[in-house]
Every structure is written in C-alpha cells, then in structure tokens.
C-alpha cells in the first residue's frame, strides 16, 4: 500500500512561512521618502551646524535672502523679482518665481531664479523651494543657471 503520512500537517507547517515570504516579496519594494530638511528644521539655535543654503550665504546675508525668497515664491502668479540687500556686507540679490506653485504631500513647491552679487562676484542660479504646511520655504535644489 501507499504512504499514509500526515500530509495535512506538512501543508500547514509550510503555509505560514510561504505566506510571510510572499508578503515580504510584495511589500519589499515599498518605501517612504521624506526630504531631510524637514527633519532638521529651519532654526539651528546652537549655531554649531551651518547648513549650506544659497551659494554659501550665511548669517545676516542668508536671513535677508530667505525673507526675499519667501516674498517672491508666495506672491502668487505675479512674476516680479523681489530684491534684498545687506548693507553691512555689501551682498545683495533677487529672486524671481518661475511658473506656478505645485502641490506635494508635504506642502507646495515652486521653481525660481536667483541673482546673487557678493564682493564683485555675480552668480545666476536656478532652483526649487518647497514650503511646509506652516508656509516656511526651504530650498530643495539649487544650481548655476543655464547659460545662453
């Protein structure tokens, strides 16, 4: 006669590991992505870490530039540049919003162009900034503007 083993017990013993393996394969490609800037916040009260912002602007230069950036990007559809200057350092610049703001899961983003004049060095830049739900803008991408 044939083998009279307990095939039902063997099937049950293999079922859970197979279910777990299958679930792992299905969920293995899932991930959650979040910009690190949102974890770091906008204020470093210790002063120990200087985060690069826009072409190396720090301190009062960055504070003034950041205010102009927020004014330019939050201005709606108007395409007028917003200028800023720091008379103490002589550094100045402007921001021009490009296109309309677009929604993301964490807030809204908008492209911009920037001009920075620092110690007789003129930089033309382009980038993207995103605002969180409280309306604070942070630059997420910045690079030299395309020439031509």
N, C-alpha and C. Protein backbone atom coordinates (compact mmCIF):
# COMPACT_ATOMS: atom_id res chain seq x y z
N UNK A 1 0.82 -1.17 0.00
CA UNK A 1 0.00 0.00 0.00
C UNK A 1 0.86 1.24 0.00
N UNK A 2 0.22 2.35 -0.13
CA UNK A 2 0.94 3.61 -0.24
C UNK A 2 1.29 4.21 1.12
N UNK A 3 1.99 5.31 1.09
CA UNK A 3 2.42 6.05 2.28
C UNK A 3 1.22 6.72 2.92
N UNK A 4 1.05 6.55 4.21
CA UNK A 4 -0.10 7.12 4.91
C UNK A 4 0.37 8.18 5.90
N UNK A 5 1.32 9.02 5.50
CA UNK A 5 1.80 10.09 6.38
C UNK A 5 0.76 11.20 6.49
N UNK A 6 1.03 12.13 7.36
CA UNK A 6 0.11 13.24 7.61
C UNK A 6 0.46 14.40 6.68
N UNK A 7 -0.09 14.38 5.46
CA UNK A 7 0.18 15.45 4.50
C UNK A 7 -0.48 16.75 4.93
N UNK A 8 -1.57 16.73 5.61
CA UNK A 8 -2.27 17.93 6.05
C UNK A 8 -1.41 18.71 7.05
N UNK A 9 -0.73 18.04 7.94
CA UNK A 9 0.16 18.70 8.91
C UNK A 9 1.35 19.32 8.22
N UNK A 10 1.90 18.64 7.21
CA UNK A 10 3.03 19.18 6.45
C UNK A 10 2.60 20.44 5.69
N UNK A 11 1.42 20.44 5.12
CA UNK A 11 0.91 21.60 4.39
C UNK A 11 0.74 22.78 5.32
N UNK A 12 0.21 22.55 6.52
CA UNK A 12 0.05 23.63 7.49
C UNK A 12 1.40 24.16 7.95
N UNK A 13 2.36 23.30 8.12
CA UNK A 13 3.68 23.73 8.58
C UNK A 13 4.37 24.63 7.54
N UNK A 14 4.11 24.39 6.28
CA UNK A 14 4.72 25.20 5.22
C UNK A 14 3.90 26.44 4.87
N UNK A 15 2.64 26.48 5.25
CA UNK A 15 1.75 27.56 4.84
C UNK A 15 2.19 28.91 5.38
N UNK A 16 2.45 29.05 6.67
CA UNK A 16 2.80 30.35 7.25
C UNK A 16 4.13 30.89 6.73
N UNK A 17 5.18 30.08 6.66
CA UNK A 17 6.41 30.63 6.08
C UNK A 17 6.23 31.11 4.64
N UNK A 18 5.41 30.39 3.87
CA UNK A 18 5.16 30.81 2.49
C UNK A 18 4.35 32.11 2.45
N UNK A 19 3.37 32.26 3.33
CA UNK A 19 2.58 33.49 3.39
C UNK A 19 3.49 34.67 3.76
N UNK A 20 4.35 34.47 4.74
CA UNK A 20 5.27 35.54 5.17
C UNK A 20 6.25 35.88 4.05
N UNK A 21 6.78 34.88 3.38
CA UNK A 21 7.70 35.12 2.26
C UNK A 21 7.00 35.89 1.15
N UNK A 22 5.79 35.49 0.80
CA UNK A 22 5.04 36.15 -0.25
C UNK A 22 4.73 37.60 0.12
N UNK A 23 4.31 37.84 1.36
CA UNK A 23 4.03 39.21 1.82
C UNK A 23 5.29 40.06 1.78
N UNK A 24 6.41 39.47 2.17
CA UNK A 24 7.68 40.20 2.13
C UNK A 24 8.07 40.58 0.71
N UNK A 25 7.84 39.68 -0.23
CA UNK A 25 8.16 39.99 -1.62
C UNK A 25 7.25 41.10 -2.16
N UNK A 26 5.99 41.06 -1.79
CA UNK A 26 5.06 42.09 -2.25
C UNK A 26 5.38 43.45 -1.66
N UNK A 27 5.74 43.49 -0.39
CA UNK A 27 5.98 44.76 0.29
C UNK A 27 7.42 45.21 0.22
N UNK A 28 8.29 44.40 -0.29
CA UNK A 28 9.72 44.72 -0.31
C UNK A 28 10.04 45.95 -1.12
N UNK A 29 9.26 46.28 -2.13
CA UNK A 29 9.52 47.45 -2.95
C UNK A 29 8.92 48.73 -2.39
N UNK A 30 8.17 48.64 -1.33
CA UNK A 30 7.54 49.83 -0.76
C UNK A 30 8.55 50.59 0.09
N UNK A 31 8.44 51.90 0.06
CA UNK A 31 9.31 52.72 0.89
C UNK A 31 8.64 54.06 1.14
N UNK A 32 9.17 54.77 2.09
CA UNK A 32 8.70 56.10 2.41
C UNK A 32 9.86 57.05 2.23
N UNK A 33 9.64 58.14 1.53
CA UNK A 33 10.70 59.10 1.27
C UNK A 33 10.30 60.45 1.82
N UNK A 34 11.27 61.15 2.44
CA UNK A 34 10.99 62.46 3.01
C UNK A 34 12.27 63.27 2.92
N UNK A 35 12.17 64.56 2.53
CA UNK A 35 13.38 65.38 2.50
C UNK A 35 13.97 65.51 3.89
N UNK A 36 15.28 65.42 3.99
CA UNK A 36 15.95 65.52 5.28
C UNK A 36 15.80 66.91 5.88
N UNK A 37 15.62 67.91 5.06
CA UNK A 37 15.47 69.25 5.59
C UNK A 37 14.29 69.37 6.54
N UNK A 38 13.23 68.61 6.26
CA UNK A 38 12.07 68.68 7.13
C UNK A 38 12.38 68.10 8.50
N UNK A 39 13.35 67.20 8.60
CA UNK A 39 13.73 66.64 9.88
C UNK A 39 14.65 67.57 10.66
N UNK A 40 15.42 68.35 9.94
CA UNK A 40 16.37 69.23 10.58
C UNK A 40 15.76 70.52 11.07
N UNK A 41 14.66 70.91 10.51
CA UNK A 41 14.03 72.17 10.90
C UNK A 41 14.75 73.34 10.26
N UNK A 42 14.25 74.54 10.54
CA UNK A 42 14.79 75.72 9.91
C UNK A 42 15.67 76.53 10.85
N UNK A 43 15.64 76.21 12.14
CA UNK A 43 16.37 77.01 13.11
C UNK A 43 17.40 76.16 13.82
N UNK A 44 18.64 76.53 13.72
CA UNK A 44 19.69 75.85 14.46
C UNK A 44 20.11 76.78 15.59
N UNK A 45 19.46 76.65 16.73
CA UNK A 45 19.70 77.59 17.82
C UNK A 45 21.08 77.42 18.44
N UNK A 46 21.74 76.29 18.22
CA UNK A 46 23.06 76.10 18.80
C UNK A 46 24.13 76.80 17.98
N UNK A 47 23.85 77.03 16.71
CA UNK A 47 24.85 77.66 15.84
C UNK A 47 26.00 76.74 15.49
N UNK A 48 25.89 75.47 15.86
CA UNK A 48 27.00 74.55 15.65
C UNK A 48 27.06 74.02 14.23
N UNK A 49 25.95 74.00 13.54
CA UNK A 49 25.91 73.45 12.18
C UNK A 49 25.44 74.53 11.24
N UNK A 50 26.24 74.85 10.24
CA UNK A 50 25.82 75.80 9.22
C UNK A 50 25.39 74.99 8.00
N UNK A 51 24.11 74.98 7.71
CA UNK A 51 23.61 74.27 6.54
C UNK A 51 23.81 75.15 5.33
N UNK A 52 24.38 74.63 4.25
CA UNK A 52 24.51 75.45 3.05
C UNK A 52 23.13 75.78 2.50
N UNK A 53 22.93 77.03 2.17
CA UNK A 53 21.63 77.45 1.69
C UNK A 53 21.74 77.84 0.22
N UNK A 54 21.99 79.08 -0.03
CA UNK A 54 22.03 79.58 -1.39
C UNK A 54 23.43 80.12 -1.66
N UNK A 55 24.19 79.38 -2.42
CA UNK A 55 25.53 79.81 -2.81
C UNK A 55 26.39 80.23 -1.62
N UNK A 56 26.26 79.49 -0.51
CA UNK A 56 27.11 79.75 0.65
C UNK A 56 26.70 80.94 1.50
N UNK A 57 25.51 81.51 1.30
CA UNK A 57 25.08 82.63 2.12
C UNK A 57 24.79 82.15 3.54
N UNK A 58 25.33 82.85 4.52
CA UNK A 58 25.11 82.51 5.92
C UNK A 58 24.82 83.77 6.72
N UNK A 59 24.40 83.58 7.94
CA UNK A 59 24.19 84.71 8.84
C UNK A 59 23.17 85.70 8.33
N UNK A 60 23.48 86.98 8.48
CA UNK A 60 22.55 88.05 8.10
C UNK A 60 22.27 88.06 6.60
N UNK A 61 23.27 87.70 5.78
CA UNK A 61 23.02 87.62 4.33
C UNK A 61 21.92 86.61 4.04
N UNK A 62 22.02 85.42 4.65
CA UNK A 62 21.00 84.38 4.40
C UNK A 62 19.65 84.78 4.99
N UNK A 63 19.64 85.43 6.16
CA UNK A 63 18.37 85.85 6.75
C UNK A 63 17.63 86.81 5.83
N UNK A 64 18.34 87.75 5.25
CA UNK A 64 17.70 88.70 4.33
C UNK A 64 17.29 88.04 3.02
N UNK A 65 18.14 87.17 2.51
CA UNK A 65 17.81 86.46 1.27
C UNK A 65 16.60 85.55 1.48
N UNK A 66 16.53 84.87 2.60
CA UNK A 66 15.42 83.96 2.89
C UNK A 66 14.09 84.72 2.95
N UNK A 67 14.09 85.92 3.53
CA UNK A 67 12.87 86.72 3.58
C UNK A 67 12.42 87.11 2.17
N UNK A 68 13.37 87.48 1.31
CA UNK A 68 13.03 87.83 -0.08
C UNK A 68 12.54 86.60 -0.85
N UNK A 69 13.14 85.45 -0.61
CA UNK A 69 12.71 84.21 -1.25
C UNK A 69 11.26 83.91 -0.90
N UNK A 70 10.92 84.01 0.38
CA UNK A 70 9.55 83.74 0.82
C UNK A 70 8.57 84.73 0.18
N UNK A 71 8.95 85.99 0.09
CA UNK A 71 8.08 87.00 -0.53
C UNK A 71 7.89 86.72 -2.01
N UNK A 72 8.95 86.32 -2.71
CA UNK A 72 8.87 86.06 -4.15
C UNK A 72 8.04 84.81 -4.44
N UNK A 73 8.26 83.74 -3.70
CA UNK A 73 7.59 82.49 -4.01
C UNK A 73 6.15 82.46 -3.55
N UNK A 74 5.82 83.22 -2.52
CA UNK A 74 4.46 83.25 -2.03
C UNK A 74 3.62 84.33 -2.67
N UNK A 75 4.15 84.97 -3.70
CA UNK A 75 3.47 86.13 -4.29
C UNK A 75 2.36 85.78 -5.26
N UNK A 76 2.08 84.51 -5.48
CA UNK A 76 1.04 84.14 -6.45
C UNK A 76 1.58 84.20 -7.86
N UNK A 77 0.72 84.50 -8.83
CA UNK A 77 1.14 84.42 -10.22
C UNK A 77 2.00 85.59 -10.70
N UNK A 78 2.11 86.67 -9.93
CA UNK A 78 2.92 87.81 -10.38
C UNK A 78 4.37 87.37 -10.58
N UNK A 79 5.01 87.91 -11.59
CA UNK A 79 6.37 87.49 -11.94
C UNK A 79 7.38 88.61 -11.69
N UNK A 80 7.19 89.38 -10.65
CA UNK A 80 8.11 90.48 -10.36
C UNK A 80 9.23 89.98 -9.45
N UNK A 81 10.47 90.37 -9.74
CA UNK A 81 11.56 89.95 -8.85
C UNK A 81 11.47 90.65 -7.50
N UNK A 82 11.94 89.96 -6.46
CA UNK A 82 11.99 90.54 -5.12
C UNK A 82 13.47 90.67 -4.75
N UNK A 83 13.90 91.90 -4.53
CA UNK A 83 15.31 92.18 -4.25
C UNK A 83 15.58 92.20 -2.74
N UNK A 84 16.83 91.94 -2.37
CA UNK A 84 17.27 92.03 -0.98
C UNK A 84 18.70 92.57 -0.96
N UNK A 85 19.09 93.14 0.14
CA UNK A 85 20.45 93.66 0.28
C UNK A 85 20.85 93.64 1.75
N UNK A 86 22.14 93.47 1.98
CA UNK A 86 22.70 93.58 3.33
C UNK A 86 23.76 94.68 3.26
N UNK A 87 23.45 95.88 3.72
CA UNK A 87 24.40 96.98 3.61
C UNK A 87 25.68 96.75 4.42
N UNK A 88 25.62 95.92 5.46
CA UNK A 88 26.81 95.66 6.26
C UNK A 88 27.86 94.85 5.51
N UNK A 89 27.42 93.87 4.71
CA UNK A 89 28.38 93.04 3.98
C UNK A 89 28.52 93.46 2.52
N UNK A 90 27.55 94.23 2.03
CA UNK A 90 27.56 94.62 0.62
C UNK A 90 26.96 93.55 -0.29
N UNK A 91 26.52 92.45 0.26
CA UNK A 91 25.93 91.38 -0.53
C UNK A 91 24.48 91.72 -0.84
N UNK A 92 24.06 91.41 -2.07
CA UNK A 92 22.68 91.69 -2.47
C UNK A 92 22.26 90.66 -3.50
N UNK A 93 20.98 90.67 -3.80
CA UNK A 93 20.48 89.72 -4.79
C UNK A 93 19.00 89.90 -5.02
N UNK A 94 18.43 88.97 -5.79
CA UNK A 94 16.99 89.00 -6.06
C UNK A 94 16.51 87.59 -6.41
N UNK A 95 15.20 87.40 -6.24
CA UNK A 95 14.55 86.13 -6.58
C UNK A 95 13.40 86.41 -7.52
N UNK A 96 13.21 85.53 -8.48
CA UNK A 96 12.12 85.63 -9.44
C UNK A 96 11.42 84.27 -9.48
N UNK A 97 10.12 84.21 -9.13
CA UNK A 97 9.42 82.92 -9.23
C UNK A 97 9.24 82.53 -10.69
N UNK A 98 9.34 81.24 -10.95
CA UNK A 98 9.16 80.71 -12.30
C UNK A 98 8.02 79.71 -12.27
N UNK A 99 7.02 79.94 -13.08
CA UNK A 99 5.87 79.03 -13.11
C UNK A 99 5.03 79.16 -11.86
N UNK A 100 4.00 78.35 -11.81
CA UNK A 100 3.10 78.36 -10.67
C UNK A 100 3.58 77.36 -9.63
N UNK A 101 3.16 77.56 -8.40
CA UNK A 101 3.43 76.60 -7.34
C UNK A 101 2.67 75.31 -7.62
N UNK A 102 3.23 74.20 -7.21
CA UNK A 102 2.55 72.91 -7.38
C UNK A 102 2.53 72.19 -6.04
N UNK A 103 1.46 71.44 -5.82
CA UNK A 103 1.24 70.78 -4.54
C UNK A 103 2.05 69.50 -4.43
N UNK A 104 2.54 69.25 -3.22
CA UNK A 104 3.19 67.99 -2.88
C UNK A 104 2.53 67.46 -1.61
N UNK A 105 2.93 66.29 -1.18
CA UNK A 105 2.34 65.71 0.03
C UNK A 105 2.62 66.55 1.27
N UNK A 106 3.75 67.25 1.28
CA UNK A 106 4.12 67.99 2.49
C UNK A 106 3.86 69.49 2.39
N UNK A 107 3.39 69.98 1.27
CA UNK A 107 3.14 71.41 1.11
C UNK A 107 3.12 71.77 -0.36
N UNK A 108 3.75 72.91 -0.71
CA UNK A 108 3.82 73.30 -2.12
C UNK A 108 5.25 73.65 -2.49
N UNK A 109 5.56 73.51 -3.78
CA UNK A 109 6.90 73.79 -4.29
C UNK A 109 6.79 74.76 -5.46
N UNK A 110 7.90 75.46 -5.73
CA UNK A 110 7.93 76.41 -6.84
C UNK A 110 9.36 76.59 -7.30
N UNK A 111 9.53 76.72 -8.60
CA UNK A 111 10.85 76.98 -9.17
C UNK A 111 11.15 78.48 -9.09
N UNK A 112 12.43 78.80 -9.08
CA UNK A 112 12.83 80.20 -9.02
C UNK A 112 14.17 80.39 -9.72
N UNK A 113 14.44 81.64 -10.07
CA UNK A 113 15.79 82.01 -10.49
C UNK A 113 16.27 83.03 -9.48
N UNK A 114 17.58 83.08 -9.29
CA UNK A 114 18.16 83.97 -8.29
C UNK A 114 19.41 84.63 -8.86
N UNK A 115 19.62 85.85 -8.44
CA UNK A 115 20.87 86.56 -8.74
C UNK A 115 21.48 86.93 -7.41
N UNK A 116 22.78 86.65 -7.25
CA UNK A 116 23.49 86.99 -6.02
C UNK A 116 24.75 87.75 -6.39
N UNK A 117 24.93 88.93 -5.80
CA UNK A 117 26.10 89.76 -6.04
C UNK A 117 26.84 89.86 -4.71
N UNK A 118 28.00 89.20 -4.66
CA UNK A 118 28.77 89.15 -3.42
C UNK A 118 30.22 89.48 -3.73
N UNK A 119 30.69 90.60 -3.17
CA UNK A 119 32.08 91.01 -3.35
C UNK A 119 32.53 90.98 -4.81
N UNK A 120 31.79 91.64 -5.66
CA UNK A 120 32.10 91.74 -7.09
C UNK A 120 32.01 90.41 -7.83
N UNK A 121 31.39 89.41 -7.24
CA UNK A 121 31.14 88.13 -7.91
C UNK A 121 29.64 88.02 -8.11
N UNK A 122 29.23 87.92 -9.37
CA UNK A 122 27.81 87.80 -9.70
C UNK A 122 27.50 86.34 -10.02
N UNK A 123 26.50 85.80 -9.37
CA UNK A 123 26.05 84.43 -9.63
C UNK A 123 24.62 84.46 -10.10
N UNK A 124 24.33 83.69 -11.15
CA UNK A 124 22.96 83.47 -11.61
C UNK A 124 22.64 82.01 -11.31
N UNK A 125 21.57 81.80 -10.57
CA UNK A 125 21.21 80.46 -10.11
C UNK A 125 19.77 80.15 -10.46
N UNK A 126 19.44 78.88 -10.45
CA UNK A 126 18.05 78.45 -10.58
C UNK A 126 17.84 77.30 -9.62
N UNK A 127 16.62 77.16 -9.16
CA UNK A 127 16.37 76.10 -8.20
C UNK A 127 14.90 75.91 -7.92
N UNK A 128 14.65 75.14 -6.88
CA UNK A 128 13.30 74.84 -6.42
C UNK A 128 13.27 74.98 -4.92
N UNK A 129 12.19 75.52 -4.41
CA UNK A 129 11.98 75.61 -2.96
C UNK A 129 10.59 75.07 -2.66
N UNK A 130 10.44 74.50 -1.47
CA UNK A 130 9.15 73.97 -1.05
C UNK A 130 8.79 74.56 0.30
N UNK A 131 7.51 74.80 0.49
CA UNK A 131 7.05 75.30 1.78
C UNK A 131 6.31 74.18 2.50
N UNK A 132 6.50 74.16 3.81
CA UNK A 132 5.76 73.18 4.59
C UNK A 132 4.37 73.72 4.86
N UNK A 133 3.59 73.01 5.65
CA UNK A 133 2.21 73.43 5.88
C UNK A 133 2.09 74.71 6.67
N UNK A 134 3.17 75.15 7.34
CA UNK A 134 3.14 76.42 8.06
C UNK A 134 3.62 77.57 7.19
N UNK A 135 4.01 77.28 5.93
CA UNK A 135 4.39 78.32 4.99
C UNK A 135 5.86 78.69 4.99
N UNK A 136 6.71 77.93 5.65
CA UNK A 136 8.15 78.22 5.67
C UNK A 136 8.79 77.57 4.44
N UNK A 137 9.46 78.41 3.63
CA UNK A 137 10.09 77.93 2.40
C UNK A 137 11.51 77.46 2.70
N UNK A 138 11.88 76.31 2.10
CA UNK A 138 13.24 75.80 2.17
C UNK A 138 13.68 75.40 0.77
N UNK A 139 14.90 75.77 0.43
CA UNK A 139 15.44 75.43 -0.88
C UNK A 139 15.73 73.92 -0.90
N UNK A 140 15.21 73.26 -1.93
CA UNK A 140 15.43 71.82 -2.05
C UNK A 140 16.44 71.50 -3.16
N UNK A 141 16.64 72.45 -4.07
CA UNK A 141 17.55 72.22 -5.19
C UNK A 141 18.03 73.59 -5.68
N UNK A 142 19.33 73.73 -5.89
CA UNK A 142 19.86 74.97 -6.46
C UNK A 142 21.11 74.62 -7.27
N UNK A 143 21.25 75.29 -8.41
CA UNK A 143 22.38 75.02 -9.32
C UNK A 143 22.64 76.28 -10.15
N UNK A 144 23.79 76.36 -10.78
CA UNK A 144 24.06 77.51 -11.66
C UNK A 144 23.02 77.54 -12.79
N UNK A 145 22.61 78.74 -13.15
CA UNK A 145 21.64 78.89 -14.24
C UNK A 145 22.29 78.51 -15.55
N UNK A 146 21.48 77.96 -16.43
CA UNK A 146 21.96 77.58 -17.76
C UNK A 146 22.38 78.84 -18.51
N UNK A 147 23.51 78.79 -19.14
CA UNK A 147 24.00 79.93 -19.92
C UNK A 147 23.40 79.88 -21.30
N UNK A 148 23.12 81.04 -21.82
CA UNK A 148 22.66 81.05 -23.20
C UNK A 148 21.41 81.66 -23.39
